[in-house]
PDB file of N, CA and C in Angstrom:
ATOM      1  N   MET A   1       8.091  25.225  -6.080  1.00  0.00           N
ATOM      2  CA  MET A   1       8.169  23.771  -6.052  1.00  0.00           C
ATOM      3  C   MET A   1       9.050  23.269  -7.199  1.00  0.00           C
ATOM      4  N   VAL A   2       8.844  23.805  -8.402  1.00  0.00           N
ATOM      5  CA  VAL A   2       9.638  23.387  -9.557  1.00  0.00           C
ATOM      6  C   VAL A   2      11.111  23.716  -9.331  1.00  0.00           C
ATOM      7  N   ARG A   3      11.366  24.910  -8.830  1.00  0.00           N
ATOM      8  CA  ARG A   3      12.754  25.340  -8.577  1.00  0.00           C
ATOM      9  C   ARG A   3      13.435  24.380  -7.585  1.00  0.00           C
ATOM     10  N   VAL A   4      12.762  24.054  -6.511  1.00  0.00           N
ATOM     11  CA  VAL A   4      13.331  23.152  -5.508  1.00  0.00           C
ATOM     12  C   VAL A   4      13.624  21.780  -6.125  1.00  0.00           C
ATOM     13  N   CYS A   5      12.687  21.264  -6.900  1.00  0.00           N
ATOM     14  CA  CYS A   5      12.881  19.968  -7.552  1.00  0.00           C
ATOM     15  C   CYS A   5      14.053  20.009  -8.525  1.00  0.00           C
ATOM     16  N   LEU A   6      14.176  21.089  -9.282  1.00  0.00           N
ATOM     17  CA  LEU A   6      15.286  21.202 -10.221  1.00  0.00           C
ATOM     18  C   LEU A   6      16.621  21.341  -9.502  1.00  0.00           C
ATOM     19  N   PHE A   7      16.645  22.052  -8.376  1.00  0.00           N
ATOM     20  CA  PHE A   7      17.872  22.112  -7.574  1.00  0.00           C
ATOM     21  C   PHE A   7      18.242  20.714  -7.064  1.00  0.00           C
ATOM     22  N   LEU A   8      17.242  19.941  -6.676  1.00  0.00           N
ATOM     23  CA  LEU A   8      17.483  18.573  -6.213  1.00  0.00           C
ATOM     24  C   LEU A   8      18.036  17.713  -7.347  1.00  0.00           C
ATOM     25  N   VAL A   9      17.420  17.807  -8.527  1.00  0.00           N
ATOM     26  CA  VAL A   9      17.909  17.072  -9.702  1.00  0.00           C
ATOM     27  C   VAL A   9      19.351  17.488 -10.012  1.00  0.00           C
ATOM     28  N   ALA A  10      19.618  18.789  -9.947  1.00  0.00           N
ATOM     29  CA  ALA A  10      20.969  19.292 -10.229  1.00  0.00           C
ATOM     30  C   ALA A  10      21.981  18.718  -9.241  1.00  0.00           C
ATOM     31  N   ALA A  11      21.653  18.722  -7.972  1.00  0.00           N
ATOM     32  CA  ALA A  11      22.576  18.212  -6.955  1.00  0.00           C
ATOM     33  C   ALA A  11      22.853  16.725  -7.154  1.00  0.00           C
ATOM     34  N   ILE A  12      21.806  15.968  -7.434  1.00  0.00           N
ATOM     35  CA  ILE A  12      21.970  14.526  -7.644  1.00  0.00           C
ATOM     36  C   ILE A  12      22.805  14.258  -8.892  1.00  0.00           C
ATOM     37  N   ALA A  13      22.469  14.924  -9.986  1.00  0.00           N
ATOM     38  CA  ALA A  13      23.161  14.670 -11.251  1.00  0.00           C
ATOM     39  C   ALA A  13      24.612  15.133 -11.218  1.00  0.00           C
ATOM     40  N   MET A  14      24.873  16.273 -10.610  1.00  0.00           N
ATOM     41  CA  MET A  14      26.245  16.770 -10.569  1.00  0.00           C
ATOM     42  C   MET A  14      27.117  15.932  -9.631  1.00  0.00           C
ATOM     43  N   SER A  15      26.589  15.572  -8.474  1.00  0.00           N
ATOM     44  CA  SER A  15      27.395  14.754  -7.555  1.00  0.00           C
ATOM     45  C   SER A  15      27.555  13.333  -8.103  1.00  0.00           C
ATOM     46  N   GLY A  16      26.474  12.753  -8.600  1.00  0.00           N
ATOM     47  CA  GLY A  16      26.557  11.402  -9.162  1.00  0.00           C
ATOM     48  C   GLY A  16      27.410  11.349 -10.414  1.00  0.00           C
ATOM     49  N   GLY A  17      27.277  12.349 -11.273  1.00  0.00           N
ATOM     50  CA  GLY A  17      28.082  12.394 -12.489  1.00  0.00           C
ATOM     51  C   GLY A  17      29.560  12.532 -12.186  1.00  0.00           C
ATOM     52  N   ALA A  18      29.896  13.415 -11.244  1.00  0.00           N
ATOM     53  CA  ALA A  18      31.308  13.602 -10.876  1.00  0.00           C
ATOM     54  C   ALA A  18      31.879  12.323 -10.258  1.00  0.00           C
ATOM     55  N   LEU A  19      31.121  11.700  -9.371  1.00  0.00           N
ATOM     56  CA  LEU A  19      31.577  10.468  -8.725  1.00  0.00           C
ATOM     57  C   LEU A  19      31.832   9.377  -9.761  1.00  0.00           C
ATOM     58  N   GLN A  20      30.872   9.159 -10.653  1.00  0.00           N
ATOM     59  CA  GLN A  20      31.012   8.097 -11.648  1.00  0.00           C
ATOM     60  C   GLN A  20      32.088   8.421 -12.686  1.00  0.00           C
ATOM     61  N   PHE A  21      32.279   9.700 -12.969  1.00  0.00           N
ATOM     62  CA  PHE A  21      33.320  10.106 -13.914  1.00  0.00           C
ATOM     63  C   PHE A  21      34.695   9.696 -13.378  1.00  0.00           C
ATOM     64  N   PHE A  22      34.934   9.935 -12.094  1.00  0.00           N
ATOM     65  CA  PHE A  22      36.235   9.622 -11.502  1.00  0.00           C
ATOM     66  C   PHE A  22      36.344   8.158 -11.080  1.00  0.00           C
ATOM     67  N   ARG A  23      35.243   7.567 -10.653  1.00  0.00           N
ATOM     68  CA  ARG A  23      35.257   6.169 -10.203  1.00  0.00           C
ATOM     69  C   ARG A  23      35.328   5.210 -11.380  1.00  0.00           C
ATOM     70  N   GLY A  24      34.590   5.503 -12.430  1.00  0.00           N
ATOM     71  CA  GLY A  24      34.549   4.596 -13.576  1.00  0.00           C
ATOM     72  C   GLY A  24      33.805   3.317 -13.247  1.00  0.00           C
ATOM     73  N   GLN A  25      34.022   2.330 -14.085  1.00  0.00           N
ATOM     74  CA  GLN A  25      33.411   1.016 -13.889  1.00  0.00           C
ATOM     75  C   GLN A  25      34.562   0.027 -13.725  1.00  0.00           C
ATOM     76  N   PRO A  26      34.991  -0.209 -12.475  1.00  0.00           N
ATOM     77  CA  PRO A  26      36.245  -0.928 -12.248  1.00  0.00           C
ATOM     78  C   PRO A  26      36.277  -2.392 -12.706  1.00  0.00           C
ATOM     79  N   ASP A  27      35.189  -3.109 -12.614  1.00  0.00           N
ATOM     80  CA  ASP A  27      35.189  -4.546 -12.939  1.00  0.00           C
ATOM     81  C   ASP A  27      34.597  -4.811 -14.311  1.00  0.00           C
ATOM     82  N   THR A  28      35.201  -4.219 -15.338  1.00  0.00           N
ATOM     83  CA  THR A  28      34.628  -4.368 -16.670  1.00  0.00           C
ATOM     84  C   THR A  28      35.706  -4.203 -17.729  1.00  0.00           C
ATOM     85  N   SER A  29      35.283  -4.186 -18.962  1.00  0.00           N
ATOM     86  CA  SER A  29      36.215  -4.017 -20.084  1.00  0.00           C
ATOM     87  C   SER A  29      36.503  -2.530 -20.304  1.00  0.00           C
ATOM     88  N   PRO A  30      37.602  -2.217 -20.986  1.00  0.00           N
ATOM     89  CA  PRO A  30      37.896  -0.815 -21.291  1.00  0.00           C
ATOM     90  C   PRO A  30      36.785  -0.120 -22.074  1.00  0.00           C
ATOM     91  N   SER A  31      36.125  -0.830 -22.996  1.00  0.00           N
ATOM     92  CA  SER A  31      35.068  -0.170 -23.775  1.00  0.00           C
ATOM     93  C   SER A  31      33.863   0.173 -22.899  1.00  0.00           C
ATOM     94  N   LEU A  32      33.504  -0.699 -21.956  1.00  0.00           N
ATOM     95  CA  LEU A  32      32.374  -0.385 -21.067  1.00  0.00           C
ATOM     96  C   LEU A  32      32.736   0.725 -20.090  1.00  0.00           C
ATOM     97  N   ASP A  33      33.980   0.744 -19.595  1.00  0.00           N
ATOM     98  CA  ASP A  33      34.410   1.838 -18.731  1.00  0.00           C
ATOM     99  C   ASP A  33      34.362   3.157 -19.496  1.00  0.00           C
ATOM    100  N   ASN A  34      34.772   3.120 -20.745  1.00  0.00           N
ATOM    101  CA  ASN A  34      34.754   4.317 -21.586  1.00  0.00           C
ATOM    102  C   ASN A  34      33.337   4.865 -21.723  1.00  0.00           C
ATOM    103  N   VAL A  35      32.382   3.999 -22.008  1.00  0.00           N
ATOM    104  CA  VAL A  35      30.981   4.419 -22.138  1.00  0.00           C
ATOM    105  C   VAL A  35      30.453   4.911 -20.797  1.00  0.00           C
ATOM    106  N   HIS A  36      30.829   4.233 -19.715  1.00  0.00           N
ATOM    107  CA  HIS A  36      30.377   4.620 -18.371  1.00  0.00           C
ATOM    108  C   HIS A  36      30.826   6.043 -18.044  1.00  0.00           C
ATOM    109  N   ARG A  37      32.087   6.351 -18.290  1.00  0.00           N
ATOM    110  CA  ARG A  37      32.599   7.693 -17.991  1.00  0.00           C
ATOM    111  C   ARG A  37      32.019   8.743 -18.936  1.00  0.00           C
ATOM    112  N   PHE A  38      31.776   8.366 -20.194  1.00  0.00           N
ATOM    113  CA  PHE A  38      31.116   9.280 -21.131  1.00  0.00           C
ATOM    114  C   PHE A  38      29.727   9.641 -20.603  1.00  0.00           C
ATOM    115  N   MET A  39      28.964   8.639 -20.208  1.00  0.00           N
ATOM    116  CA  MET A  39      27.614   8.884 -19.700  1.00  0.00           C
ATOM    117  C   MET A  39      27.648   9.656 -18.381  1.00  0.00           C
ATOM    118  N   ALA A  40      28.702   9.472 -17.590  1.00  0.00           N
ATOM    119  CA  ALA A  40      28.857  10.253 -16.363  1.00  0.00           C
ATOM    120  C   ALA A  40      29.011  11.734 -16.700  1.00  0.00           C
ATOM    121  N   GLY A  41      29.717  12.034 -17.785  1.00  0.00           N
ATOM    122  CA  GLY A  41      29.842  13.417 -18.234  1.00  0.00           C
ATOM    123  C   GLY A  41      28.508  13.984 -18.685  1.00  0.00           C
ATOM    124  N   VAL A  42      27.718  13.171 -19.375  1.00  0.00           N
ATOM    125  CA  VAL A  42      26.383  13.596 -19.796  1.00  0.00           C
ATOM    126  C   VAL A  42      25.510  13.835 -18.562  1.00  0.00           C
ATOM    127  N   TYR A  43      25.601  12.939 -17.595  1.00  0.00           N
ATOM    128  CA  TYR A  43      24.840  13.045 -16.346  1.00  0.00           C
ATOM    129  C   TYR A  43      25.198  14.346 -15.623  1.00  0.00           C
ATOM    130  N   PHE A  44      26.498  14.627 -15.498  1.00  0.00           N
ATOM    131  CA  PHE A  44      26.947  15.851 -14.843  1.00  0.00           C
ATOM    132  C   PHE A  44      26.436  17.087 -15.582  1.00  0.00           C
ATOM    133  N   SER A  45      26.531  17.081 -16.902  1.00  0.00           N
ATOM    134  CA  SER A  45      26.089  18.250 -17.672  1.00  0.00           C
ATOM    135  C   SER A  45      24.580  18.460 -17.570  1.00  0.00           C
ATOM    136  N   THR A  46      23.832  17.387 -17.435  1.00  0.00           N
ATOM    137  CA  THR A  46      22.389  17.516 -17.208  1.00  0.00           C
ATOM    138  C   THR A  46      22.131  18.208 -15.874  1.00  0.00           C
ATOM    139  N   GLY A  47      22.981  17.932 -14.903  1.00  0.00           N
ATOM    140  CA  GLY A  47      22.882  18.631 -13.618  1.00  0.00           C
ATOM    141  C   GLY A  47      23.127  20.121 -13.771  1.00  0.00           C
ATOM    142  N   LEU A  48      24.121  20.486 -14.577  1.00  0.00           N
ATOM    143  CA  LEU A  48      24.384  21.909 -14.824  1.00  0.00           C
ATOM    144  C   LEU A  48      23.193  22.582 -15.513  1.00  0.00           C
ATOM    145  N   ILE A  49      22.618  21.890 -16.480  1.00  0.00           N
ATOM    146  CA  ILE A  49      21.447  22.441 -17.179  1.00  0.00           C
ATOM    147  C   ILE A  49      20.277  22.592 -16.212  1.00  0.00           C
ATOM    148  N   SER A  50      20.085  21.607 -15.340  1.00  0.00           N
ATOM    149  CA  SER A  50      19.011  21.684 -14.343  1.00  0.00           C
ATOM    150  C   SER A  50      19.249  22.835 -13.365  1.00  0.00           C
ATOM    151  N   LEU A  51      20.500  23.037 -12.981  1.00  0.00           N
ATOM    152  CA  LEU A  51      20.848  24.154 -12.097  1.00  0.00           C
ATOM    153  C   LEU A  51      20.524  25.480 -12.766  1.00  0.00           C
ATOM    154  N   TRP A  52      20.922  25.629 -14.006  1.00  0.00           N
ATOM    155  CA  TRP A  52      20.645  26.862 -14.744  1.00  0.00           C
ATOM    156  C   TRP A  52      19.128  27.074 -14.906  1.00  0.00           C
ATOM    157  N   ALA A  53      18.407  25.999 -15.206  1.00  0.00           N
ATOM    158  CA  ALA A  53      16.950  26.113 -15.358  1.00  0.00           C
ATOM    159  C   ALA A  53      16.295  26.510 -14.035  1.00  0.00           C
ATOM    160  N   ALA A  54      16.796  25.984 -12.923  1.00  0.00           N
ATOM    161  CA  ALA A  54      16.242  26.347 -11.611  1.00  0.00           C
ATOM    162  C   ALA A  54      16.483  27.820 -11.304  1.00  0.00           C
ATOM    163  N   ILE A  55      17.682  28.292 -11.608  1.00  0.00           N
ATOM    164  CA  ILE A  55      18.023  29.692 -11.334  1.00  0.00           C
ATOM    165  C   ILE A  55      17.193  30.630 -12.198  1.00  0.00           C
ATOM    166  N   THR A  56      16.935  30.229 -13.439  1.00  0.00           N
ATOM    167  CA  THR A  56      16.210  31.085 -14.394  1.00  0.00           C
ATOM    168  C   THR A  56      14.792  30.569 -14.635  1.00  0.00           C
ATOM    169  N   ILE A  57      14.184  29.970 -13.630  1.00  0.00           N
ATOM    170  CA  ILE A  57      12.903  29.269 -13.789  1.00  0.00           C
ATOM    171  C   ILE A  57      11.805  30.139 -14.398  1.00  0.00           C
ATOM    172  N   ARG A  58      11.779  31.407 -14.104  1.00  0.00           N
ATOM    173  CA  ARG A  58      10.712  32.281 -14.612  1.00  0.00           C
ATOM    174  C   ARG A  58      10.779  32.455 -16.129  1.00  0.00           C
ATOM    175  N   GLN A  59      11.944  32.219 -16.720  1.00  0.00           N
ATOM    176  CA  GLN A  59      12.088  32.331 -18.174  1.00  0.00           C
ATOM    177  C   GLN A  59      11.941  30.988 -18.882  1.00  0.00           C
ATOM    178  N   GLN A  60      11.760  29.918 -18.138  1.00  0.00           N
ATOM    179  CA  GLN A  60      11.770  28.587 -18.744  1.00  0.00           C
ATOM    180  C   GLN A  60      10.365  28.088 -19.054  1.00  0.00           C
ATOM    181  N   GLY A  61      10.278  27.362 -20.138  1.00  0.00           N
ATOM    182  CA  GLY A  61       9.025  26.735 -20.545  1.00  0.00           C
ATOM    183  C   GLY A  61       9.262  25.268 -20.836  1.00  0.00           C
ATOM    184  N   THR A  62       9.462  24.961 -22.105  1.00  0.00           N
ATOM    185  CA  THR A  62       9.623  23.588 -22.560  1.00  0.00           C
ATOM    186  C   THR A  62      10.833  22.900 -21.936  1.00  0.00           C
ATOM    187  N   LEU A  63      11.899  23.635 -21.664  1.00  0.00           N
ATOM    188  CA  LEU A  63      13.104  23.032 -21.088  1.00  0.00           C
ATOM    189  C   LEU A  63      12.787  22.275 -19.803  1.00  0.00           C
ATOM    190  N   VAL A  64      11.917  22.818 -18.986  1.00  0.00           N
ATOM    191  CA  VAL A  64      11.576  22.162 -17.717  1.00  0.00           C
ATOM    192  C   VAL A  64      10.933  20.809 -17.988  1.00  0.00           C
ATOM    193  N   TYR A  65      10.035  20.754 -18.970  1.00  0.00           N
ATOM    194  CA  TYR A  65       9.388  19.481 -19.309  1.00  0.00           C
ATOM    195  C   TYR A  65      10.397  18.493 -19.881  1.00  0.00           C
ATOM    196  N   LEU A  66      11.350  18.971 -20.675  1.00  0.00           N
ATOM    197  CA  LEU A  66      12.371  18.091 -21.240  1.00  0.00           C
ATOM    198  C   LEU A  66      13.290  17.530 -20.154  1.00  0.00           C
ATOM    199  N   LEU A  67      13.637  18.349 -19.186  1.00  0.00           N
ATOM    200  CA  LEU A  67      14.445  17.859 -18.068  1.00  0.00           C
ATOM    201  C   LEU A  67      13.668  16.817 -17.258  1.00  0.00           C
ATOM    202  N   ALA A  68      12.398  17.072 -17.022  1.00  0.00           N
ATOM    203  CA  ALA A  68      11.567  16.097 -16.297  1.00  0.00           C
ATOM    204  C   ALA A  68      11.489  14.788 -17.078  1.00  0.00           C
ATOM    205  N   LEU A  69      11.348  14.885 -18.392  1.00  0.00           N
ATOM    206  CA  LEU A  69      11.302  13.686 -19.231  1.00  0.00           C
ATOM    207  C   LEU A  69      12.618  12.915 -19.141  1.00  0.00           C
ATOM    208  N   GLY A  70      13.732  13.626 -19.134  1.00  0.00           N
ATOM    209  CA  GLY A  70      15.030  12.967 -19.006  1.00  0.00           C
ATOM    210  C   GLY A  70      15.160  12.183 -17.721  1.00  0.00           C
ATOM    211  N   VAL A  71      14.695  12.766 -16.622  1.00  0.00           N
ATOM    212  CA  VAL A  71      14.749  12.075 -15.333  1.00  0.00           C
ATOM    213  C   VAL A  71      13.829  10.852 -15.363  1.00  0.00           C
ATOM    214  N   LEU A  72      12.649  11.007 -15.941  1.00  0.00           N
ATOM    215  CA  LEU A  72      11.710   9.887 -16.042  1.00  0.00           C
ATOM    216  C   LEU A  72      12.295   8.758 -16.890  1.00  0.00           C
ATOM    217  N   LEU A  73      12.930   9.107 -18.006  1.00  0.00           N
ATOM    218  CA  LEU A  73      13.546   8.086 -18.857  1.00  0.00           C
ATOM    219  C   LEU A  73      14.702   7.395 -18.147  1.00  0.00           C
ATOM    220  N   ALA A  74      15.442   8.133 -17.333  1.00  0.00           N
ATOM    221  CA  ALA A  74      16.510   7.520 -16.538  1.00  0.00           C
ATOM    222  C   ALA A  74      15.923   6.481 -15.583  1.00  0.00           C
ATOM    223  N   GLY A  75      14.819   6.836 -14.943  1.00  0.00           N
ATOM    224  CA  GLY A  75      14.141   5.885 -14.063  1.00  0.00           C
ATOM    225  C   GLY A  75      13.614   4.680 -14.830  1.00  0.00           C
ATOM    226  N   ALA A  76      13.102   4.927 -16.029  1.00  0.00           N
ATOM    227  CA  ALA A  76      12.625   3.819 -16.869  1.00  0.00           C
ATOM    228  C   ALA A  76      13.784   2.889 -17.230  1.00  0.00           C
ATOM    229  N   GLY A  77      14.940   3.475 -17.527  1.00  0.00           N
ATOM    230  CA  GLY A  77      16.118   2.659 -17.812  1.00  0.00           C
ATOM    231  C   GLY A  77      16.505   1.807 -16.612  1.00  0.00           C
ATOM    232  N   ARG A  78      16.403   2.376 -15.437  1.00  0.00           N
ATOM    233  CA  ARG A  78      16.706   1.623 -14.224  1.00  0.00           C
ATOM    234  C   ARG A  78      15.701   0.483 -14.043  1.00  0.00           C
ATOM    235  N   LEU A  79      14.423   0.741 -14.340  1.00  0.00           N
ATOM    236  CA  LEU A  79      13.408  -0.318 -14.252  1.00  0.00           C
ATOM    237  C   LEU A  79      13.693  -1.455 -15.228  1.00  0.00           C
ATOM    238  N   VAL A  80      14.087  -1.120 -16.454  1.00  0.00           N
ATOM    239  CA  VAL A  80      14.431  -2.148 -17.439  1.00  0.00           C
ATOM    240  C   VAL A  80      15.614  -2.970 -16.936  1.00  0.00           C
ATOM    241  N   SER A  81      16.630  -2.296 -16.395  1.00  0.00           N
ATOM    242  CA  SER A  81      17.793  -3.005 -15.860  1.00  0.00           C
ATOM    243  C   SER A  81      17.388  -3.971 -14.747  1.00  0.00           C
ATOM    244  N   ILE A  82      16.552  -3.498 -13.839  1.00  0.00           N
ATOM    245  CA  ILE A  82      16.103  -4.346 -12.738  1.00  0.00           C
ATOM    246  C   ILE A  82      15.330  -5.548 -13.259  1.00  0.00           C
ATOM    247  N   SER A  83      14.487  -5.335 -14.263  1.00  0.00           N
ATOM    248  CA  SER A  83      13.696  -6.443 -14.798  1.00  0.00           C
ATOM    249  C   SER A  83      14.554  -7.448 -15.580  1.00  0.00           C
ATOM    250  N   ARG A  84      15.647  -6.973 -16.182  1.00  0.00           N
ATOM    251  CA  ARG A  84      16.500  -7.859 -16.995  1.00  0.00           C
ATOM    252  C   ARG A  84      17.574  -8.577 -16.190  1.00  0.00           C
ATOM    253  N   VAL A  85      18.235  -7.860 -15.271  1.00  0.00           N
ATOM    254  CA  VAL A  85      19.374  -8.459 -14.570  1.00  0.00           C
ATOM    255  C   VAL A  85      19.207  -8.490 -13.053  1.00  0.00           C
ATOM    256  N   GLY A  86      18.106  -7.956 -12.542  1.00  0.00           N
ATOM    257  CA  GLY A  86      17.843  -8.017 -11.112  1.00  0.00           C
ATOM    258  C   GLY A  86      18.182  -6.724 -10.393  1.00  0.00           C
ATOM    259  N   LEU A  87      17.758  -6.666  -9.157  1.00  0.00           N
ATOM    260  CA  LEU A  87      17.965  -5.496  -8.304  1.00  0.00           C
ATOM    261  C   LEU A  87      19.328  -5.599  -7.633  1.00  0.00           C
ATOM    262  N   PRO A  88      20.199  -4.595  -7.827  1.00  0.00           N
ATOM    263  CA  PRO A  88      21.511  -4.645  -7.180  1.00  0.00           C
ATOM    264  C   PRO A  88      21.380  -4.592  -5.657  1.00  0.00           C
ATOM    265  N   LYS A  89      22.429  -4.999  -4.985  1.00  0.00           N
ATOM    266  CA  LYS A  89      22.481  -4.959  -3.527  1.00  0.00           C
ATOM    267  C   LYS A  89      23.272  -3.740  -3.089  1.00  0.00           C
ATOM    268  N   PRO A  90      22.946  -3.076  -2.039  1.00  0.00           N
ATOM    269  CA  PRO A  90      21.762  -3.274  -1.210  1.00  0.00           C
ATOM    270  C   PRO A  90      20.520  -2.693  -1.894  1.00  0.00           C
ATOM    271  N   ALA A  91      19.474  -3.453  -1.883  1.00  0.00           N
ATOM    272  CA  ALA A  91      18.245  -3.109  -2.609  1.00  0.00           C
ATOM    273  C   ALA A  91      17.687  -1.752  -2.193  1.00  0.00           C
ATOM    274  N   ALA A  92      17.755  -1.424  -0.922  1.00  0.00           N
ATOM    275  CA  ALA A  92      17.179  -0.159  -0.432  1.00  0.00           C
ATOM    276  C   ALA A  92      17.844   1.049  -1.096  1.00  0.00           C
ATOM    277  N   VAL A  93      19.141   0.964  -1.326  1.00  0.00           N
ATOM    278  CA  VAL A  93      19.851   2.078  -1.964  1.00  0.00           C
ATOM    279  C   VAL A  93      19.349   2.284  -3.387  1.00  0.00           C
ATOM    280  N   TRP A  94      19.244   1.194  -4.135  1.00  0.00           N
ATOM    281  CA  TRP A  94      18.848   1.300  -5.542  1.00  0.00           C
ATOM    282  C   TRP A  94      17.383   1.692  -5.679  1.00  0.00           C
ATOM    283  N   LEU A  95      16.543   1.224  -4.778  1.00  0.00           N
ATOM    284  CA  LEU A  95      15.146   1.666  -4.784  1.00  0.00           C
ATOM    285  C   LEU A  95      15.058   3.126  -4.353  1.00  0.00           C
ATOM    286  N   GLY A  96      15.980   3.538  -3.485  1.00  0.00           N
ATOM    287  CA  GLY A  96      16.050   4.947  -3.086  1.00  0.00           C
ATOM    288  C   GLY A  96      16.422   5.858  -4.244  1.00  0.00           C
ATOM    289  N   TYR A  97      17.161   5.338  -5.223  1.00  0.00           N
ATOM    290  CA  TYR A  97      17.449   6.093  -6.441  1.00  0.00           C
ATOM    291  C   TYR A  97      16.228   6.098  -7.361  1.00  0.00           C
ATOM    292  N   LEU A  98      15.581   4.937  -7.464  1.00  0.00           N
ATOM    293  CA  LEU A  98      14.489   4.757  -8.422  1.00  0.00           C
ATOM    294  C   LEU A  98      13.254   5.591  -8.100  1.00  0.00           C
ATOM    295  N   VAL A  99      12.838   5.607  -6.858  1.00  0.00           N
ATOM    296  CA  VAL A  99      11.590   6.293  -6.500  1.00  0.00           C
ATOM    297  C   VAL A  99      11.613   7.779  -6.882  1.00  0.00           C
ATOM    298  N   PRO A 100      12.647   8.539  -6.525  1.00  0.00           N
ATOM    299  CA  PRO A 100      12.654   9.948  -6.948  1.00  0.00           C
ATOM    300  C   PRO A 100      12.700  10.121  -8.473  1.00  0.00           C
ATOM    301  N   GLU A 101      13.359   9.176  -9.163  1.00  0.00           N
ATOM    302  CA  GLU A 101      13.424   9.265 -10.626  1.00  0.00           C
ATOM    303  C   GLU A 101      12.057   9.082 -11.272  1.00  0.00           C
ATOM    304  N   LEU A 102      11.155   8.417 -10.586  1.00  0.00           N
ATOM    305  CA  LEU A 102       9.802   8.220 -11.106  1.00  0.00           C
ATOM    306  C   LEU A 102       8.823   9.270 -10.590  1.00  0.00           C
ATOM    307  N   VAL A 103       9.068   9.799  -9.383  1.00  0.00           N
ATOM    308  CA  VAL A 103       8.147  10.759  -8.770  1.00  0.00           C
ATOM    309  C   VAL A 103       8.485  12.206  -9.134  1.00  0.00           C
ATOM    310  N   LEU A 104       9.761  12.587  -9.035  1.00  0.00           N
ATOM    311  CA  LEU A 104      10.147  13.986  -9.291  1.00  0.00           C
ATOM    312  C   LEU A 104       9.691  14.507 -10.659  1.00  0.00           C
ATOM    313  N   PRO A 105       9.818  13.731 -11.735  1.00  0.00           N
ATOM    314  CA  PRO A 105       9.373  14.265 -13.029  1.00  0.00           C
ATOM    315  C   PRO A 105       7.889  14.632 -13.045  1.00  0.00           C
ATOM    316  N   LEU A 106       7.087  13.836 -12.375  1.00  0.00           N
ATOM    317  CA  LEU A 106       5.653  14.131 -12.331  1.00  0.00           C
ATOM    318  C   LEU A 106       5.389  15.400 -11.527  1.00  0.00           C
ATOM    319  N   VAL A 107       6.059  15.533 -10.398  1.00  0.00           N
ATOM    320  CA  VAL A 107       5.917  16.744  -9.571  1.00  0.00           C
ATOM    321  C   VAL A 107       6.367  17.965 -10.362  1.00  0.00           C
ATOM    322  N   ILE A 108       7.516  17.857 -11.029  1.00  0.00           N
ATOM    323  CA  ILE A 108       8.044  18.982 -11.807  1.00  0.00           C
ATOM    324  C   ILE A 108       7.059  19.379 -12.908  1.00  0.00           C
ATOM    325  N   ALA A 109       6.595  18.407 -13.682  1.00  0.00           N
ATOM    326  CA  ALA A 109       5.703  18.699 -14.818  1.00  0.00           C
ATOM    327  C   ALA A 109       4.378  19.297 -14.345  1.00  0.00           C
ATOM    328  N   VAL A 110       3.772  18.708 -13.334  1.00  0.00           N
ATOM    329  CA  VAL A 110       2.476  19.204 -12.840  1.00  0.00           C
ATOM    330  C   VAL A 110       2.634  20.597 -12.228  1.00  0.00           C
ATOM    331  N   ALA A 111       3.654  20.780 -11.411  1.00  0.00           N
ATOM    332  CA  ALA A 111       3.857  22.079 -10.765  1.00  0.00           C
ATOM    333  C   ALA A 111       4.204  23.163 -11.797  1.00  0.00           C
ATOM    334  N   HIS A 112       4.995  22.815 -12.794  1.00  0.00           N
ATOM    335  CA  HIS A 112       5.349  23.793 -13.828  1.00  0.00           C
ATOM    336  C   HIS A 112       4.126  24.171 -14.661  1.00  0.00           C
ATOM    337  N   TYR A 113       3.325  23.168 -14.992  1.00  0.00           N
ATOM    338  CA  TYR A 113       2.096  23.424 -15.751  1.00  0.00           C
ATOM    339  C   TYR A 113       1.148  24.326 -14.941  1.00  0.00           C
ATOM    340  N   ALA A 114       1.030  24.036 -13.648  1.00  0.00           N
ATOM    341  CA  ALA A 114       0.127  24.816 -12.789  1.00  0.00           C
ATOM    342  C   ALA A 114       0.604  26.250 -12.622  1.00  0.00           C
ATOM    343  N   SER A 115       1.915  26.485 -12.747  1.00  0.00           N
ATOM    344  CA  SER A 115       2.434  27.842 -12.558  1.00  0.00           C
ATOM    345  C   SER A 115       2.324  28.695 -13.816  1.00  0.00           C
ATOM    346  N   HIS A 116       1.925  28.111 -14.919  1.00  0.00           N
ATOM    347  CA  HIS A 116       1.805  28.887 -16.168  1.00  0.00           C
ATOM    348  C   HIS A 116       0.378  29.035 -16.598  1.00  0.00           C
TER     349      HIS A 116
END
């Protein structure tokens, strides 16, 4: 279960990071685009780390919990954004991003704890 969840996190982070790295933030200032692409690189690299952790899951301990925490914090950041500036359109897409960011970390942490 943990391996599958980490593969899912890896796929989301690597595809989303690559897309945002190349797409950038078109309707903004150069400094915000710069930060956006920097964070896209961090997002992509988190996907690589999640992929490696999934492949080597039997050797992993704390790293799995840290990755789950990162996903949870990303979801928390999205919740803060929604509460401050509103839900982007189309709402279903953004809620579709949010729900796994709040659920997957719990599944990963509980399943990893149960396997040790």
